[in-house]
Amino acid sequence: MKNAQIGVGFMLLWDVGPDWGFFGYLGSSPTAWAYDPFTGDVVTSTRSIEAGLPKFGDGQTGVVSIELQLPRKDSGAARFLVNGVESRTIELPKGAVVLPAACLLKEGQRVRLARFEKT
């Protein structure tokens, strides 16, 4: 992963569509958040907003979950869970529509979306 970043996260859907930011890197726009498994950071607007989450090196696998609270009348919240370690809460705007997303920048990288649950 040192030679090609990977990002796993989500982005908000606006009237004009999602904003991927520059070069399609998830986490480069102010309406997209990504966990970077090489650095252990949560990134938005091309900057880390939280460091210290578990890291995955080349060839390693891990589990990244995203917990969302999306009430229609109030603001919402999101949180990353990486191999069981929770990130701080990310506040989302009222009525947010969220798209799960990933950016894979090297051949052979994989992300599997699974276990969507409504609680």
PDB file of N, CA and C in Angstrom:
ATOM      1  N   MET A   1       0.817  -1.199   0.000  1.00  0.00           N
ATOM      2  CA  MET A   1       0.000   0.000   0.000  1.00  0.00           C
ATOM      3  C   MET A   1       0.856   1.255   0.000  1.00  0.00           C
ATOM      4  N   LYS A   2       2.122   1.138   0.312  1.00  0.00           N
ATOM      5  CA  LYS A   2       2.990   2.307   0.333  1.00  0.00           C
ATOM      6  C   LYS A   2       3.005   3.005  -1.016  1.00  0.00           C
ATOM      7  N   ASN A   3       2.907   2.237  -2.089  1.00  0.00           N
ATOM      8  CA  ASN A   3       2.991   2.806  -3.434  1.00  0.00           C
ATOM      9  C   ASN A   3       1.645   3.217  -4.003  1.00  0.00           C
ATOM     10  N   ALA A   4       0.570   2.860  -3.375  1.00  0.00           N
ATOM     11  CA  ALA A   4      -0.759   3.203  -3.873  1.00  0.00           C
ATOM     12  C   ALA A   4      -1.735   3.200  -2.709  1.00  0.00           C
ATOM     13  N   GLN A   5      -2.236   4.368  -2.362  1.00  0.00           N
ATOM     14  CA  GLN A   5      -3.152   4.463  -1.227  1.00  0.00           C
ATOM     15  C   GLN A   5      -4.451   3.729  -1.517  1.00  0.00           C
ATOM     16  N   ILE A   6      -5.115   3.408  -0.444  1.00  0.00           N
ATOM     17  CA  ILE A   6      -6.444   2.819  -0.505  1.00  0.00           C
ATOM     18  C   ILE A   6      -7.267   3.579   0.541  1.00  0.00           C
ATOM     19  N   GLY A   7      -8.511   3.844   0.246  1.00  0.00           N
ATOM     20  CA  GLY A   7      -9.373   4.524   1.198  1.00  0.00           C
ATOM     21  C   GLY A   7     -10.698   3.802   1.290  1.00  0.00           C
ATOM     22  N   VAL A   8     -11.217   3.647   2.487  1.00  0.00           N
ATOM     23  CA  VAL A   8     -12.501   3.010   2.723  1.00  0.00           C
ATOM     24  C   VAL A   8     -13.319   3.971   3.566  1.00  0.00           C
ATOM     25  N   GLY A   9     -14.525   4.290   3.120  1.00  0.00           N
ATOM     26  CA  GLY A   9     -15.322   5.225   3.896  1.00  0.00           C
ATOM     27  C   GLY A   9     -16.663   5.521   3.272  1.00  0.00           C
ATOM     28  N   PHE A  10     -16.989   6.817   3.253  1.00  0.00           N
ATOM     29  CA  PHE A  10     -18.296   7.227   2.750  1.00  0.00           C
ATOM     30  C   PHE A  10     -18.226   8.669   2.277  1.00  0.00           C
ATOM     31  N   MET A  11     -19.227   9.031   1.497  1.00  0.00           N
ATOM     32  CA  MET A  11     -19.338  10.402   1.021  1.00  0.00           C
ATOM     33  C   MET A  11     -20.803  10.810   1.043  1.00  0.00           C
ATOM     34  N   LEU A  12     -21.037  12.111   1.098  1.00  0.00           N
ATOM     35  CA  LEU A  12     -22.398  12.623   1.096  1.00  0.00           C
ATOM     36  C   LEU A  12     -22.851  12.856  -0.328  1.00  0.00           C
ATOM     37  N   LEU A  13     -24.113  12.617  -0.574  1.00  0.00           N
ATOM     38  CA  LEU A  13     -24.715  12.850  -1.887  1.00  0.00           C
ATOM     39  C   LEU A  13     -25.448  14.182  -1.837  1.00  0.00           C
ATOM     40  N   TRP A  14     -25.074  15.086  -2.713  1.00  0.00           N
ATOM     41  CA  TRP A  14     -25.701  16.409  -2.803  1.00  0.00           C
ATOM     42  C   TRP A  14     -26.507  16.492  -4.079  1.00  0.00           C
ATOM     43  N   ASP A  15     -27.194  17.605  -4.281  1.00  0.00           N
ATOM     44  CA  ASP A  15     -28.015  17.810  -5.478  1.00  0.00           C
ATOM     45  C   ASP A  15     -27.215  17.615  -6.762  1.00  0.00           C
ATOM     46  N   VAL A  16     -25.952  17.982  -6.740  1.00  0.00           N
ATOM     47  CA  VAL A  16     -25.112  17.871  -7.936  1.00  0.00           C
ATOM     48  C   VAL A  16     -24.368  16.540  -7.999  1.00  0.00           C
ATOM     49  N   GLY A  17     -24.587  15.668  -7.037  1.00  0.00           N
ATOM     50  CA  GLY A  17     -23.918  14.378  -6.997  1.00  0.00           C
ATOM     51  C   GLY A  17     -22.814  14.363  -5.958  1.00  0.00           C
ATOM     52  N   PRO A  18     -22.075  13.269  -5.872  1.00  0.00           N
ATOM     53  CA  PRO A  18     -20.994  13.181  -4.888  1.00  0.00           C
ATOM     54  C   PRO A  18     -19.776  13.982  -5.339  1.00  0.00           C
ATOM     55  N   ASP A  19     -19.004  14.473  -4.379  1.00  0.00           N
ATOM     56  CA  ASP A  19     -17.783  15.228  -4.655  1.00  0.00           C
ATOM     57  C   ASP A  19     -16.586  14.366  -4.266  1.00  0.00           C
ATOM     58  N   TRP A  20     -15.938  13.760  -5.249  1.00  0.00           N
ATOM     59  CA  TRP A  20     -14.787  12.901  -4.992  1.00  0.00           C
ATOM     60  C   TRP A  20     -13.543  13.707  -4.649  1.00  0.00           C
ATOM     61  N   GLY A  21     -13.507  14.970  -5.016  1.00  0.00           N
ATOM     62  CA  GLY A  21     -12.301  15.753  -4.788  1.00  0.00           C
ATOM     63  C   GLY A  21     -11.289  15.491  -5.884  1.00  0.00           C
ATOM     64  N   PHE A  22     -10.028  15.785  -5.624  1.00  0.00           N
ATOM     65  CA  PHE A  22      -9.025  15.660  -6.674  1.00  0.00           C
ATOM     66  C   PHE A  22      -8.621  14.209  -6.921  1.00  0.00           C
ATOM     67  N   PHE A  23      -8.396  13.874  -8.162  1.00  0.00           N
ATOM     68  CA  PHE A  23      -7.918  12.571  -8.611  1.00  0.00           C
ATOM     69  C   PHE A  23      -8.753  11.399  -8.113  1.00  0.00           C
ATOM     70  N   GLY A  24      -9.970  11.663  -7.672  1.00  0.00           N
ATOM     71  CA  GLY A  24     -10.825  10.580  -7.217  1.00  0.00           C
ATOM     72  C   GLY A  24     -10.415   9.948  -5.910  1.00  0.00           C
ATOM     73  N   TYR A  25      -9.563  10.624  -5.118  1.00  0.00           N
ATOM     74  CA  TYR A  25      -9.165  10.042  -3.823  1.00  0.00           C
ATOM     75  C   TYR A  25     -10.235  10.332  -2.785  1.00  0.00           C
ATOM     76  N   LEU A  26     -10.845   9.294  -2.272  1.00  0.00           N
ATOM     77  CA  LEU A  26     -11.853   9.427  -1.232  1.00  0.00           C
ATOM     78  C   LEU A  26     -11.209  10.066  -0.009  1.00  0.00           C
ATOM     79  N   GLY A  27     -11.801  11.139   0.487  1.00  0.00           N
ATOM     80  CA  GLY A  27     -11.229  11.852   1.623  1.00  0.00           C
ATOM     81  C   GLY A  27     -10.573  13.166   1.224  1.00  0.00           C
ATOM     82  N   SER A  28     -10.585  13.469  -0.069  1.00  0.00           N
ATOM     83  CA  SER A  28      -9.976  14.730  -0.490  1.00  0.00           C
ATOM     84  C   SER A  28     -10.983  15.876  -0.542  1.00  0.00           C
ATOM     85  N   SER A  29     -12.258  15.579  -0.475  1.00  0.00           N
ATOM     86  CA  SER A  29     -13.273  16.644  -0.469  1.00  0.00           C
ATOM     87  C   SER A  29     -13.811  16.825   0.950  1.00  0.00           C
ATOM     88  N   PRO A  30     -14.457  17.960   1.219  1.00  0.00           N
ATOM     89  CA  PRO A  30     -15.009  18.191   2.554  1.00  0.00           C
ATOM     90  C   PRO A  30     -16.292  17.394   2.829  1.00  0.00           C
ATOM     91  N   THR A  31     -16.787  16.667   1.824  1.00  0.00           N
ATOM     92  CA  THR A  31     -17.997  15.866   2.005  1.00  0.00           C
ATOM     93  C   THR A  31     -17.721  14.373   1.844  1.00  0.00           C
ATOM     94  N   ALA A  32     -16.457  13.981   2.059  1.00  0.00           N
ATOM     95  CA  ALA A  32     -16.083  12.564   1.991  1.00  0.00           C
ATOM     96  C   ALA A  32     -15.077  12.271   3.100  1.00  0.00           C
ATOM     97  N   TRP A  33     -15.210  11.105   3.703  1.00  0.00           N
ATOM     98  CA  TRP A  33     -14.334  10.675   4.791  1.00  0.00           C
ATOM     99  C   TRP A  33     -13.788   9.296   4.437  1.00  0.00           C
ATOM    100  N   ALA A  34     -12.500   9.099   4.685  1.00  0.00           N
ATOM    101  CA  ALA A  34     -11.880   7.812   4.384  1.00  0.00           C
ATOM    102  C   ALA A  34     -10.963   7.393   5.518  1.00  0.00           C
ATOM    103  N   TYR A  35     -10.946   6.099   5.771  1.00  0.00           N
ATOM    104  CA  TYR A  35      -9.946   5.509   6.655  1.00  0.00           C
ATOM    105  C   TYR A  35      -8.807   5.050   5.755  1.00  0.00           C
ATOM    106  N   ASP A  36      -7.581   5.420   6.090  1.00  0.00           N
ATOM    107  CA  ASP A  36      -6.393   5.030   5.338  1.00  0.00           C
ATOM    108  C   ASP A  36      -5.676   3.932   6.112  1.00  0.00           C
ATOM    109  N   PRO A  37      -5.712   2.686   5.632  1.00  0.00           N
ATOM    110  CA  PRO A  37      -5.149   1.580   6.403  1.00  0.00           C
ATOM    111  C   PRO A  37      -3.625   1.614   6.523  1.00  0.00           C
ATOM    112  N   PHE A  38      -2.942   2.334   5.644  1.00  0.00           N
ATOM    113  CA  PHE A  38      -1.480   2.416   5.732  1.00  0.00           C
ATOM    114  C   PHE A  38      -1.040   3.330   6.875  1.00  0.00           C
ATOM    115  N   THR A  39      -1.789   4.441   7.080  1.00  0.00           N
ATOM    116  CA  THR A  39      -1.407   5.398   8.122  1.00  0.00           C
ATOM    117  C   THR A  39      -2.225   5.266   9.403  1.00  0.00           C
ATOM    118  N   GLY A  40      -3.406   4.631   9.319  1.00  0.00           N
ATOM    119  CA  GLY A  40      -4.292   4.534  10.480  1.00  0.00           C
ATOM    120  C   GLY A  40      -5.056   5.824  10.746  1.00  0.00           C
ATOM    121  N   ASP A  41      -5.184   6.679   9.724  1.00  0.00           N
ATOM    122  CA  ASP A  41      -5.858   7.978   9.856  1.00  0.00           C
ATOM    123  C   ASP A  41      -7.256   7.956   9.254  1.00  0.00           C
ATOM    124  N   VAL A  42      -8.123   8.830   9.787  1.00  0.00           N
ATOM    125  CA  VAL A  42      -9.380   9.184   9.135  1.00  0.00           C
ATOM    126  C   VAL A  42      -9.117  10.531   8.463  1.00  0.00           C
ATOM    127  N   VAL A  43      -9.446  10.614   7.172  1.00  0.00           N
ATOM    128  CA  VAL A  43      -9.089  11.778   6.363  1.00  0.00           C
ATOM    129  C   VAL A  43     -10.330  12.403   5.742  1.00  0.00           C
ATOM    130  N   THR A  44     -10.376  13.744   5.738  1.00  0.00           N
ATOM    131  CA  THR A  44     -11.357  14.514   4.987  1.00  0.00           C
ATOM    132  C   THR A  44     -10.683  15.813   4.579  1.00  0.00           C
ATOM    133  N   SER A  45     -11.106  16.394   3.469  1.00  0.00           N
ATOM    134  CA  SER A  45     -10.499  17.635   2.949  1.00  0.00           C
ATOM    135  C   SER A  45      -8.977  17.502   2.843  1.00  0.00           C
ATOM    136  N   THR A  46      -8.502  16.333   2.473  1.00  0.00           N
ATOM    137  CA  THR A  46      -7.080  15.976   2.322  1.00  0.00           C
ATOM    138  C   THR A  46      -6.261  16.088   3.605  1.00  0.00           C
ATOM    139  N   ARG A  47      -6.908  16.129   4.762  1.00  0.00           N
ATOM    140  CA  ARG A  47      -6.136  16.196   6.005  1.00  0.00           C
ATOM    141  C   ARG A  47      -6.667  15.175   7.004  1.00  0.00           C
ATOM    142  N   SER A  48      -5.778  14.728   7.857  1.00  0.00           N
ATOM    143  CA  SER A  48      -6.145  13.767   8.893  1.00  0.00           C
ATOM    144  C   SER A  48      -6.939  14.484   9.974  1.00  0.00           C
ATOM    145  N   ILE A  49      -8.071  13.907  10.329  1.00  0.00           N
ATOM    146  CA  ILE A  49      -8.852  14.446  11.449  1.00  0.00           C
ATOM    147  C   ILE A  49      -8.746  13.540  12.666  1.00  0.00           C
ATOM    148  N   GLU A  50      -8.143  12.370  12.467  1.00  0.00           N
ATOM    149  CA  GLU A  50      -7.890  11.465  13.588  1.00  0.00           C
ATOM    150  C   GLU A  50      -6.810  10.475  13.181  1.00  0.00           C
ATOM    151  N   ALA A  51      -5.847  10.288  14.051  1.00  0.00           N
ATOM    152  CA  ALA A  51      -4.768   9.327  13.824  1.00  0.00           C
ATOM    153  C   ALA A  51      -4.826   8.263  14.917  1.00  0.00           C
ATOM    154  N   GLY A  52      -4.036   7.223  14.754  1.00  0.00           N
ATOM    155  CA  GLY A  52      -3.898   6.229  15.808  1.00  0.00           C
ATOM    156  C   GLY A  52      -4.804   5.023  15.714  1.00  0.00           C
ATOM    157  N   LEU A  53      -5.584   4.910  14.639  1.00  0.00           N
ATOM    158  CA  LEU A  53      -6.386   3.699  14.471  1.00  0.00           C
ATOM    159  C   LEU A  53      -5.471   2.580  13.982  1.00  0.00           C
ATOM    160  N   PRO A  54      -5.891   1.321  14.121  1.00  0.00           N
ATOM    161  CA  PRO A  54      -5.050   0.216  13.660  1.00  0.00           C
ATOM    162  C   PRO A  54      -4.667   0.376  12.191  1.00  0.00           C
ATOM    163  N   LYS A  55      -3.482  -0.136  11.835  1.00  0.00           N
ATOM    164  CA  LYS A  55      -2.974  -0.068  10.463  1.00  0.00           C
ATOM    165  C   LYS A  55      -2.927  -1.458   9.858  1.00  0.00           C
ATOM    166  N   PHE A  56      -3.002  -1.522   8.519  1.00  0.00           N
ATOM    167  CA  PHE A  56      -2.825  -2.771   7.779  1.00  0.00           C
ATOM    168  C   PHE A  56      -1.692  -2.524   6.794  1.00  0.00           C
ATOM    169  N   GLY A  57      -0.698  -3.369   6.781  1.00  0.00           N
ATOM    170  CA  GLY A  57       0.400  -3.254   5.831  1.00  0.00           C
ATOM    171  C   GLY A  57       0.094  -4.014   4.558  1.00  0.00           C
ATOM    172  N   ASP A  58       1.036  -4.008   3.630  1.00  0.00           N
ATOM    173  CA  ASP A  58       0.886  -4.751   2.380  1.00  0.00           C
ATOM    174  C   ASP A  58       0.568  -6.211   2.668  1.00  0.00           C
ATOM    175  N   GLY A  59      -0.457  -6.712   2.005  1.00  0.00           N
ATOM    176  CA  GLY A  59      -0.830  -8.109   2.140  1.00  0.00           C
ATOM    177  C   GLY A  59      -1.650  -8.438   3.374  1.00  0.00           C
ATOM    178  N   GLN A  60      -1.821  -7.506   4.281  1.00  0.00           N
ATOM    179  CA  GLN A  60      -2.621  -7.758   5.477  1.00  0.00           C
ATOM    180  C   GLN A  60      -4.082  -7.419   5.201  1.00  0.00           C
ATOM    181  N   THR A  61      -4.960  -8.026   5.977  1.00  0.00           N
ATOM    182  CA  THR A  61      -6.377  -7.720   5.872  1.00  0.00           C
ATOM    183  C   THR A  61      -6.876  -7.219   7.218  1.00  0.00           C
ATOM    184  N   GLY A  62      -8.005  -6.562   7.193  1.00  0.00           N
ATOM    185  CA  GLY A  62      -8.619  -6.073   8.412  1.00  0.00           C
ATOM    186  C   GLY A  62     -10.081  -5.791   8.165  1.00  0.00           C
ATOM    187  N   VAL A  63     -10.789  -5.466   9.222  1.00  0.00           N
ATOM    188  CA  VAL A  63     -12.212  -5.171   9.129  1.00  0.00           C
ATOM    189  C   VAL A  63     -12.435  -3.706   9.474  1.00  0.00           C
ATOM    190  N   VAL A  64     -13.044  -2.989   8.534  1.00  0.00           N
ATOM    191  CA  VAL A  64     -13.398  -1.587   8.735  1.00  0.00           C
ATOM    192  C   VAL A  64     -14.915  -1.504   8.669  1.00  0.00           C
ATOM    193  N   SER A  65     -15.524  -1.036   9.740  1.00  0.00           N
ATOM    194  CA  SER A  65     -16.979  -0.849   9.773  1.00  0.00           C
ATOM    195  C   SER A  65     -17.271   0.634   9.900  1.00  0.00           C
ATOM    196  N   ILE A  66     -18.418   1.023   9.402  1.00  0.00           N
ATOM    197  CA  ILE A  66     -18.869   2.404   9.538  1.00  0.00           C
ATOM    198  C   ILE A  66     -20.247   2.366  10.172  1.00  0.00           C
ATOM    199  N   GLU A  67     -20.379   3.013  11.305  1.00  0.00           N
ATOM    200  CA  GLU A  67     -21.654   3.086  12.009  1.00  0.00           C
ATOM    201  C   GLU A  67     -22.265   4.449  11.693  1.00  0.00           C
ATOM    202  N   LEU A  68     -23.481   4.446  11.172  1.00  0.00           N
ATOM    203  CA  LEU A  68     -24.155   5.682  10.772  1.00  0.00           C
ATOM    204  C   LEU A  68     -25.434   5.880  11.560  1.00  0.00           C
ATOM    205  N   GLN A  69     -25.691   7.115  11.945  1.00  0.00           N
ATOM    206  CA  GLN A  69     -26.966   7.514  12.526  1.00  0.00           C
ATOM    207  C   GLN A  69     -27.467   8.650  11.651  1.00  0.00           C
ATOM    208  N   LEU A  70     -28.535   8.400  10.919  1.00  0.00           N
ATOM    209  CA  LEU A  70     -28.999   9.360   9.922  1.00  0.00           C
ATOM    210  C   LEU A  70     -30.458   9.766  10.124  1.00  0.00           C
ATOM    211  N   PRO A  71     -30.759  10.442  11.211  1.00  0.00           N
ATOM    212  CA  PRO A  71     -32.136  10.910  11.383  1.00  0.00           C
ATOM    213  C   PRO A  71     -32.457  12.001  10.367  1.00  0.00           C
ATOM    214  N   ARG A  72     -33.689  12.051   9.910  1.00  0.00           N
ATOM    215  CA  ARG A  72     -34.096  13.026   8.896  1.00  0.00           C
ATOM    216  C   ARG A  72     -34.259  14.438   9.463  1.00  0.00           C
ATOM    217  N   LYS A  73     -34.733  14.561  10.708  1.00  0.00           N
ATOM    218  CA  LYS A  73     -35.056  15.876  11.256  1.00  0.00           C
ATOM    219  C   LYS A  73     -33.908  16.521  12.016  1.00  0.00           C
ATOM    220  N   ASP A  74     -32.917  15.740  12.407  1.00  0.00           N
ATOM    221  CA  ASP A  74     -31.789  16.259  13.173  1.00  0.00           C
ATOM    222  C   ASP A  74     -30.502  15.968  12.417  1.00  0.00           C
ATOM    223  N   SER A  75     -29.416  16.462  12.950  1.00  0.00           N
ATOM    224  CA  SER A  75     -28.127  16.135  12.358  1.00  0.00           C
ATOM    225  C   SER A  75     -27.817  14.667  12.617  1.00  0.00           C
ATOM    226  N   GLY A  76     -26.920  14.121  11.840  1.00  0.00           N
ATOM    227  CA  GLY A  76     -26.559  12.730  11.978  1.00  0.00           C
ATOM    228  C   GLY A  76     -25.127  12.591  12.470  1.00  0.00           C
ATOM    229  N   ALA A  77     -24.686  11.345  12.520  1.00  0.00           N
ATOM    230  CA  ALA A  77     -23.333  11.076  12.993  1.00  0.00           C
ATOM    231  C   ALA A  77     -22.803   9.820  12.321  1.00  0.00           C
ATOM    232  N   ALA A  78     -21.481   9.741  12.258  1.00  0.00           N
ATOM    233  CA  ALA A  78     -20.808   8.563  11.708  1.00  0.00           C
ATOM    234  C   ALA A  78     -19.595   8.259  12.567  1.00  0.00           C
ATOM    235  N   ARG A  79     -19.208   6.994  12.542  1.00  0.00           N
ATOM    236  CA  ARG A  79     -18.025   6.583  13.294  1.00  0.00           C
ATOM    237  C   ARG A  79     -17.409   5.375  12.588  1.00  0.00           C
ATOM    238  N   PHE A  80     -16.086   5.362  12.491  1.00  0.00           N
ATOM    239  CA  PHE A  80     -15.354   4.229  11.946  1.00  0.00           C
ATOM    240  C   PHE A  80     -15.017   3.269  13.079  1.00  0.00           C
ATOM    241  N   LEU A  81     -15.060   1.980  12.795  1.00  0.00           N
ATOM    242  CA  LEU A  81     -14.588   0.949  13.710  1.00  0.00           C
ATOM    243  C   LEU A  81     -13.587   0.119  12.918  1.00  0.00           C
ATOM    244  N   VAL A  82     -12.335   0.115  13.360  1.00  0.00           N
ATOM    245  CA  VAL A  82     -11.268  -0.574  12.636  1.00  0.00           C
ATOM    246  C   VAL A  82     -10.722  -1.678  13.535  1.00  0.00           C
ATOM    247  N   ASN A  83     -10.944  -2.913  13.110  1.00  0.00           N
ATOM    248  CA  ASN A  83     -10.550  -4.071  13.929  1.00  0.00           C
ATOM    249  C   ASN A  83     -11.000  -3.894  15.372  1.00  0.00           C
ATOM    250  N   GLY A  84     -12.219  -3.373  15.549  1.00  0.00           N
ATOM    251  CA  GLY A  84     -12.820  -3.209  16.873  1.00  0.00           C
ATOM    252  C   GLY A  84     -12.473  -1.926  17.599  1.00  0.00           C
ATOM    253  N   VAL A  85     -11.598  -1.081  17.047  1.00  0.00           N
ATOM    254  CA  VAL A  85     -11.223   0.194  17.673  1.00  0.00           C
ATOM    255  C   VAL A  85     -12.069   1.303  17.070  1.00  0.00           C
ATOM    256  N   GLU A  86     -12.748   2.070  17.923  1.00  0.00           N
ATOM    257  CA  GLU A  86     -13.669   3.110  17.460  1.00  0.00           C
ATOM    258  C   GLU A  86     -12.969   4.445  17.259  1.00  0.00           C
ATOM    259  N   SER A  87     -13.377   5.152  16.199  1.00  0.00           N
ATOM    260  CA  SER A  87     -12.921   6.528  15.992  1.00  0.00           C
ATOM    261  C   SER A  87     -13.848   7.474  16.747  1.00  0.00           C
ATOM    262  N   ARG A  88     -13.449   8.728  16.797  1.00  0.00           N
ATOM    263  CA  ARG A  88     -14.350   9.747  17.339  1.00  0.00           C
ATOM    264  C   ARG A  88     -15.545   9.888  16.393  1.00  0.00           C
ATOM    265  N   THR A  89     -16.599  10.492  16.889  1.00  0.00           N
ATOM    266  CA  THR A  89     -17.805  10.702  16.101  1.00  0.00           C
ATOM    267  C   THR A  89     -17.608  11.853  15.115  1.00  0.00           C
ATOM    268  N   ILE A  90     -18.114  11.664  13.910  1.00  0.00           N
ATOM    269  CA  ILE A  90     -18.105  12.685  12.863  1.00  0.00           C
ATOM    270  C   ILE A  90     -19.538  13.200  12.742  1.00  0.00           C
ATOM    271  N   GLU A  91     -19.721  14.487  12.948  1.00  0.00           N
ATOM    272  CA  GLU A  91     -21.062  15.078  12.830  1.00  0.00           C
ATOM    273  C   GLU A  91     -21.426  15.238  11.353  1.00  0.00           C
ATOM    274  N   LEU A  92     -22.655  14.865  11.010  1.00  0.00           N
ATOM    275  CA  LEU A  92     -23.157  14.975   9.641  1.00  0.00           C
ATOM    276  C   LEU A  92     -24.318  15.961   9.602  1.00  0.00           C
ATOM    277  N   PRO A  93     -24.522  16.628   8.467  1.00  0.00           N
ATOM    278  CA  PRO A  93     -25.597  17.617   8.391  1.00  0.00           C
ATOM    279  C   PRO A  93     -26.985  16.968   8.425  1.00  0.00           C
ATOM    280  N   LYS A  94     -27.957  17.764   8.802  1.00  0.00           N
ATOM    281  CA  LYS A  94     -29.358  17.331   8.841  1.00  0.00           C
ATOM    282  C   LYS A  94     -29.758  16.757   7.480  1.00  0.00           C
ATOM    283  N   GLY A  95     -30.425  15.614   7.496  1.00  0.00           N
ATOM    284  CA  GLY A  95     -30.921  14.999   6.275  1.00  0.00           C
ATOM    285  C   GLY A  95     -29.850  14.413   5.372  1.00  0.00           C
ATOM    286  N   ALA A  96     -28.668  14.140   5.895  1.00  0.00           N
ATOM    287  CA  ALA A  96     -27.564  13.633   5.081  1.00  0.00           C
ATOM    288  C   ALA A  96     -27.931  12.326   4.381  1.00  0.00           C
ATOM    289  N   VAL A  97     -27.535  12.220   3.125  1.00  0.00           N
ATOM    290  CA  VAL A  97     -27.647  10.984   2.352  1.00  0.00           C
ATOM    291  C   VAL A  97     -26.220  10.492   2.143  1.00  0.00           C
ATOM    292  N   VAL A  98     -25.945   9.271   2.554  1.00  0.00           N
ATOM    293  CA  VAL A  98     -24.579   8.756   2.578  1.00  0.00           C
ATOM    294  C   VAL A  98     -24.412   7.638   1.557  1.00  0.00           C
ATOM    295  N   LEU A  99     -23.289   7.676   0.842  1.00  0.00           N
ATOM    296  CA  LEU A  99     -22.912   6.608  -0.078  1.00  0.00           C
ATOM    297  C   LEU A  99     -21.679   5.901   0.475  1.00  0.00           C
ATOM    298  N   PRO A 100     -21.721   4.592   0.691  1.00  0.00           N
ATOM    299  CA  PRO A 100     -20.488   3.890   1.043  1.00  0.00           C
ATOM    300  C   PRO A 100     -19.551   3.975  -0.159  1.00  0.00           C
ATOM    301  N   ALA A 101     -18.255   4.094   0.084  1.00  0.00           N
ATOM    302  CA  ALA A 101     -17.325   4.267  -1.025  1.00  0.00           C
ATOM    303  C   ALA A 101     -15.941   3.732  -0.658  1.00  0.00           C
ATOM    304  N   ALA A 102     -15.158   3.488  -1.687  1.00  0.00           N
ATOM    305  CA  ALA A 102     -13.767   3.091  -1.514  1.00  0.00           C
ATOM    306  C   ALA A 102     -12.993   3.561  -2.732  1.00  0.00           C
ATOM    307  N   CYS A 103     -11.723   3.856  -2.545  1.00  0.00           N
ATOM    308  CA  CYS A 103     -10.860   4.142  -3.685  1.00  0.00           C
ATOM    309  C   CYS A 103      -9.689   3.174  -3.634  1.00  0.00           C
ATOM    310  N   LEU A 104      -9.482   2.515  -4.736  1.00  0.00           N
ATOM    311  CA  LEU A 104      -8.418   1.520  -4.871  1.00  0.00           C
ATOM    312  C   LEU A 104      -7.500   2.022  -5.969  1.00  0.00           C
ATOM    313  N   LEU A 105      -6.243   2.237  -5.652  1.00  0.00           N
ATOM    314  CA  LEU A 105      -5.342   2.887  -6.592  1.00  0.00           C
ATOM    315  C   LEU A 105      -4.214   1.981  -7.074  1.00  0.00           C
ATOM    316  N   LYS A 106      -4.368   0.673  -6.863  1.00  0.00           N
ATOM    317  CA  LYS A 106      -3.341  -0.264  -7.308  1.00  0.00           C
ATOM    318  C   LYS A 106      -4.012  -1.579  -7.674  1.00  0.00           C
ATOM    319  N   GLU A 107      -3.554  -2.188  -8.730  1.00  0.00           N
ATOM    320  CA  GLU A 107      -4.084  -3.476  -9.136  1.00  0.00           C
ATOM    321  C   GLU A 107      -3.905  -4.484  -8.007  1.00  0.00           C
ATOM    322  N   GLY A 108      -4.936  -5.267  -7.767  1.00  0.00           N
ATOM    323  CA  GLY A 108      -4.883  -6.290  -6.730  1.00  0.00           C
ATOM    324  C   GLY A 108      -5.480  -5.880  -5.394  1.00  0.00           C
ATOM    325  N   GLN A 109      -5.721  -4.578  -5.186  1.00  0.00           N
ATOM    326  CA  GLN A 109      -6.365  -4.151  -3.940  1.00  0.00           C
ATOM    327  C   GLN A 109      -7.838  -4.558  -3.989  1.00  0.00           C
ATOM    328  N   ARG A 110      -8.390  -4.903  -2.831  1.00  0.00           N
ATOM    329  CA  ARG A 110      -9.787  -5.340  -2.780  1.00  0.00           C
ATOM    330  C   ARG A 110     -10.483  -4.783  -1.557  1.00  0.00           C
ATOM    331  N   VAL A 111     -11.766  -4.496  -1.731  1.00  0.00           N
ATOM    332  CA  VAL A 111     -12.651  -4.112  -0.637  1.00  0.00           C
ATOM    333  C   VAL A 111     -13.934  -4.900  -0.830  1.00  0.00           C
ATOM    334  N   ARG A 112     -14.443  -5.461   0.253  1.00  0.00           N
ATOM    335  CA  ARG A 112     -15.707  -6.188   0.184  1.00  0.00           C
ATOM    336  C   ARG A 112     -16.706  -5.476   1.084  1.00  0.00           C
ATOM    337  N   LEU A 113     -17.834  -5.086   0.527  1.00  0.00           N
ATOM    338  CA  LEU A 113     -18.930  -4.497   1.306  1.00  0.00           C
ATOM    339  C   LEU A 113     -19.829  -5.622   1.762  1.00  0.00           C
ATOM    340  N   ALA A 114     -20.080  -5.698   3.052  1.00  0.00           N
ATOM    341  CA  ALA A 114     -20.873  -6.809   3.572  1.00  0.00           C
ATOM    342  C   ALA A 114     -21.582  -6.411   4.850  1.00  0.00           C
ATOM    343  N   ARG A 115     -22.560  -7.202   5.206  1.00  0.00           N
ATOM    344  CA  ARG A 115     -23.259  -7.096   6.474  1.00  0.00           C
ATOM    345  C   ARG A 115     -23.901  -5.733   6.726  1.00  0.00           C
ATOM    346  N   PHE A 116     -24.629  -5.252   5.765  1.00  0.00           N
ATOM    347  CA  PHE A 116     -25.412  -4.035   5.998  1.00  0.00           C
ATOM    348  C   PHE A 116     -26.514  -4.380   6.970  1.00  0.00           C
ATOM    349  N   GLU A 117     -26.664  -3.576   8.017  1.00  0.00           N
ATOM    350  CA  GLU A 117     -27.667  -3.846   9.023  1.00  0.00           C
ATOM    351  C   GLU A 117     -28.454  -2.589   9.321  1.00  0.00           C
ATOM    352  N   LYS A 118     -29.743  -2.739   9.517  1.00  0.00           N
ATOM    353  CA  LYS A 118     -30.595  -1.644   9.949  1.00  0.00           C
ATOM    354  C   LYS A 118     -31.009  -1.948  11.387  1.00  0.00           C
ATOM    355  N   THR A 119     -30.743  -0.988  12.282  1.00  0.00           N
ATOM    356  CA  THR A 119     -31.117  -1.228  13.679  1.00  0.00           C
ATOM    357  C   THR A 119     -32.113  -0.184  14.136  1.00  0.00           C
TER     358      THR A 119
END
